[in-house]
Amino acid sequence: MSVRAGTLRRAITDPEALSRYFRVLGDPTRLRIVEALVGRERTVSELVELLGAPQSRISNHLACLRWCRFVESERRGRSVVYRISDERVLSLLELASSLAEPNCDHLASCQRIGPEWI
């Protein structure tokens, strides 16, 4: 199945912004954070325990996700909880997963994207 540029519902008006949008999702830790927030809010401590990453790394990735409006936060007493800010992100990730799945081995061996991608 091929897609022609003329069949896009909306023209890409700012390719740089769209490229940055996908770069946010291009980090495995950020993807895991988004996945962990699917269906329920979580604190930084819960994410640290779930992902097994240092608190500073999780906090830095959450700051990126908040800045780019993938997640939002709310202070509750001494804790801050995070949640997905726009449920459409989940649809995007589901579509991306379905597109990538048949090509996972091929994508993992790609040498045109840096090794940090894997």
C-alpha atoms as a PDB file:
ATOM      1  CA  MET A   1       0.000   0.000   0.000  1.00  0.00           C
ATOM      2  CA  SER A   2       1.490   3.347  -0.987  1.00  0.00           C
ATOM      3  CA  VAL A   3       0.625   6.761   0.318  1.00  0.00           C
ATOM      4  CA  ARG A   4       0.892   9.800  -1.877  1.00  0.00           C
ATOM      5  CA  ALA A   5       1.520  13.239  -0.415  1.00  0.00           C
ATOM      6  CA  GLY A   6      -1.738  14.478  -1.901  1.00  0.00           C
ATOM      7  CA  THR A   7      -3.718  11.961   0.142  1.00  0.00           C
ATOM      8  CA  LEU A   8      -2.661  13.366   3.519  1.00  0.00           C
ATOM      9  CA  ARG A   9      -5.646  14.816   5.342  1.00  0.00           C
ATOM     10  CA  ARG A  10      -3.611  17.805   6.436  1.00  0.00           C
ATOM     11  CA  ALA A  11      -0.382  19.133   5.012  1.00  0.00           C
ATOM     12  CA  ILE A  12       2.613  19.085   7.319  1.00  0.00           C
ATOM     13  CA  THR A  13       2.979  22.798   7.952  1.00  0.00           C
ATOM     14  CA  ASP A  14       5.974  22.624  10.285  1.00  0.00           C
ATOM     15  CA  PRO A  15       8.216  19.629   9.562  1.00  0.00           C
ATOM     16  CA  GLU A  16      10.749  20.721  12.210  1.00  0.00           C
ATOM     17  CA  ALA A  17       8.116  20.719  14.966  1.00  0.00           C
ATOM     18  CA  LEU A  18       6.733  17.365  13.825  1.00  0.00           C
ATOM     19  CA  SER A  19      10.250  15.936  13.723  1.00  0.00           C
ATOM     20  CA  ARG A  20      10.826  17.067  17.312  1.00  0.00           C
ATOM     21  CA  TYR A  21       7.493  15.539  18.305  1.00  0.00           C
ATOM     22  CA  PHE A  22       8.692  12.158  17.085  1.00  0.00           C
ATOM     23  CA  ARG A  23      12.119  12.651  18.672  1.00  0.00           C
ATOM     24  CA  VAL A  24      10.391  12.901  22.050  1.00  0.00           C
ATOM     25  CA  LEU A  25       8.956   9.442  21.422  1.00  0.00           C
ATOM     26  CA  GLY A  26      12.269   8.215  20.011  1.00  0.00           C
ATOM     27  CA  ASP A  27      13.765   7.522  23.426  1.00  0.00           C
ATOM     28  CA  PRO A  28      13.136   4.058  24.936  1.00  0.00           C
ATOM     29  CA  THR A  29      12.901   5.380  28.514  1.00  0.00           C
ATOM     30  CA  ARG A  30      10.335   8.002  27.546  1.00  0.00           C
ATOM     31  CA  LEU A  31       8.332   5.374  25.673  1.00  0.00           C
ATOM     32  CA  ARG A  32       8.392   3.145  28.758  1.00  0.00           C
ATOM     33  CA  ILE A  33       7.213   6.053  30.899  1.00  0.00           C
ATOM     34  CA  VAL A  34       4.334   6.774  28.532  1.00  0.00           C
ATOM     35  CA  GLU A  35       3.454   3.072  28.498  1.00  0.00           C
ATOM     36  CA  ALA A  36       3.515   2.990  32.314  1.00  0.00           C
ATOM     37  CA  LEU A  37       1.113   5.924  32.431  1.00  0.00           C
ATOM     38  CA  VAL A  38      -1.413   4.240  30.164  1.00  0.00           C
ATOM     39  CA  GLY A  39      -4.520   3.640  32.183  1.00  0.00           C
ATOM     40  CA  ARG A  40      -3.331   5.143  35.458  1.00  0.00           C
ATOM     41  CA  GLU A  41      -1.509   8.016  37.060  1.00  0.00           C
ATOM     42  CA  ARG A  42       1.840   7.388  38.727  1.00  0.00           C
ATOM     43  CA  THR A  43       4.330   9.206  40.920  1.00  0.00           C
ATOM     44  CA  VAL A  44       8.039   9.502  40.171  1.00  0.00           C
ATOM     45  CA  SER A  45       8.719   6.913  42.887  1.00  0.00           C
ATOM     46  CA  GLU A  46       6.347   4.437  41.261  1.00  0.00           C
ATOM     47  CA  LEU A  47       7.989   5.005  37.873  1.00  0.00           C
ATOM     48  CA  VAL A  48      11.474   4.565  39.367  1.00  0.00           C
ATOM     49  CA  GLU A  49      10.446   1.255  40.910  1.00  0.00           C
ATOM     50  CA  LEU A  50       8.615   0.063  37.809  1.00  0.00           C
ATOM     51  CA  LEU A  51      11.331   0.978  35.308  1.00  0.00           C
ATOM     52  CA  GLY A  52      14.365   0.341  37.492  1.00  0.00           C
ATOM     53  CA  ALA A  53      15.988   3.604  36.419  1.00  0.00           C
ATOM     54  CA  PRO A  54      17.519   6.261  38.663  1.00  0.00           C
ATOM     55  CA  GLN A  55      15.161   8.932  39.978  1.00  0.00           C
ATOM     56  CA  SER A  56      17.149  11.707  38.271  1.00  0.00           C
ATOM     57  CA  ARG A  57      16.792  10.031  34.864  1.00  0.00           C
ATOM     58  CA  ILE A  58      13.055   9.501  35.309  1.00  0.00           C
ATOM     59  CA  SER A  59      12.614  13.116  36.457  1.00  0.00           C
ATOM     60  CA  ASN A  60      14.552  14.459  33.471  1.00  0.00           C
ATOM     61  CA  HIS A  61      12.486  12.410  31.038  1.00  0.00           C
ATOM     62  CA  LEU A  62       9.268  13.497  32.763  1.00  0.00           C
ATOM     63  CA  ALA A  63      10.366  17.124  32.431  1.00  0.00           C
ATOM     64  CA  CYS A  64      10.807  16.585  28.687  1.00  0.00           C
ATOM     65  CA  LEU A  65       7.444  14.845  28.385  1.00  0.00           C
ATOM     66  CA  ARG A  66       5.760  17.640  30.356  1.00  0.00           C
ATOM     67  CA  TRP A  67       7.425  20.403  28.356  1.00  0.00           C
ATOM     68  CA  CYS A  68       6.321  18.764  25.107  1.00  0.00           C
ATOM     69  CA  ARG A  69       2.834  18.217  26.554  1.00  0.00           C
ATOM     70  CA  PHE A  70       2.780  14.434  26.383  1.00  0.00           C
ATOM     71  CA  VAL A  71       2.116  14.238  30.120  1.00  0.00           C
ATOM     72  CA  GLU A  72       0.735  16.564  32.750  1.00  0.00           C
ATOM     73  CA  SER A  73       1.325  16.647  36.458  1.00  0.00           C
ATOM     74  CA  GLU A  74      -0.637  17.501  39.563  1.00  0.00           C
ATOM     75  CA  ARG A  75       0.632  18.066  43.079  1.00  0.00           C
ATOM     76  CA  ARG A  76      -1.217  16.069  45.733  1.00  0.00           C
ATOM     77  CA  GLY A  77       0.139  16.861  49.144  1.00  0.00           C
ATOM     78  CA  ARG A  78       3.815  15.939  49.100  1.00  0.00           C
ATOM     79  CA  SER A  79       3.542  13.898  45.907  1.00  0.00           C
ATOM     80  CA  VAL A  80       3.282  14.818  42.253  1.00  0.00           C
ATOM     81  CA  VAL A  81       1.311  12.487  40.010  1.00  0.00           C
ATOM     82  CA  TYR A  82       1.770  12.229  36.266  1.00  0.00           C
ATOM     83  CA  ARG A  83      -0.729  11.195  33.615  1.00  0.00           C
ATOM     84  CA  ILE A  84      -1.049  11.192  29.831  1.00  0.00           C
ATOM     85  CA  SER A  85      -2.249  14.628  28.764  1.00  0.00           C
ATOM     86  CA  ASP A  86      -3.809  13.614  25.451  1.00  0.00           C
ATOM     87  CA  GLU A  87      -5.261  10.146  24.923  1.00  0.00           C
ATOM     88  CA  ARG A  88      -4.596  10.419  21.170  1.00  0.00           C
ATOM     89  CA  VAL A  89      -0.954   9.660  21.945  1.00  0.00           C
ATOM     90  CA  LEU A  90      -2.051   6.128  22.795  1.00  0.00           C
ATOM     91  CA  SER A  91      -3.634   5.709  19.359  1.00  0.00           C
ATOM     92  CA  LEU A  92      -0.439   6.968  17.758  1.00  0.00           C
ATOM     93  CA  LEU A  93       1.653   4.478  19.721  1.00  0.00           C
ATOM     94  CA  GLU A  94      -0.704   1.611  18.914  1.00  0.00           C
ATOM     95  CA  LEU A  95      -0.472   2.430  15.202  1.00  0.00           C
ATOM     96  CA  ALA A  96       3.317   2.784  15.378  1.00  0.00           C
ATOM     97  CA  SER A  97       3.610  -0.558  17.182  1.00  0.00           C
ATOM     98  CA  SER A  98       1.483  -2.309  14.590  1.00  0.00           C
ATOM     99  CA  LEU A  99       3.597  -0.824  11.794  1.00  0.00           C
ATOM    100  CA  ALA A 100       6.918  -1.653  13.473  1.00  0.00           C
ATOM    101  CA  GLU A 101       6.117  -5.172  14.707  1.00  0.00           C
ATOM    102  CA  PRO A 102       6.543  -7.032  11.412  1.00  0.00           C
ATOM    103  CA  ASN A 103       9.856  -5.230  10.897  1.00  0.00           C
ATOM    104  CA  CYS A 104      11.386  -5.366  14.403  1.00  0.00           C
ATOM    105  CA  ASP A 105      14.382  -7.511  13.452  1.00  0.00           C
ATOM    106  CA  HIS A 106      15.082  -5.369  10.422  1.00  0.00           C
ATOM    107  CA  LEU A 107      14.712  -2.142  12.408  1.00  0.00           C
ATOM    108  CA  ALA A 108      17.012  -3.435  15.162  1.00  0.00           C
ATOM    109  CA  SER A 109      19.767  -4.014  12.614  1.00  0.00           C
ATOM    110  CA  CYS A 110      19.418  -0.594  10.950  1.00  0.00           C
ATOM    111  CA  GLN A 111      22.782   1.163  10.771  1.00  0.00           C
ATOM    112  CA  ARG A 112      21.487   4.453   9.427  1.00  0.00           C
ATOM    113  CA  ILE A 113      20.071   5.378  12.824  1.00  0.00           C
ATOM    114  CA  GLY A 114      22.609   5.587  15.620  1.00  0.00           C
ATOM    115  CA  PRO A 115      23.208   2.696  18.047  1.00  0.00           C
ATOM    116  CA  GLU A 116      21.514   4.716  20.787  1.00  0.00           C
ATOM    117  CA  TRP A 117      18.248   3.959  18.968  1.00  0.00           C
ATOM    118  CA  ILE A 118      18.391   0.277  19.843  1.00  0.00           C
END
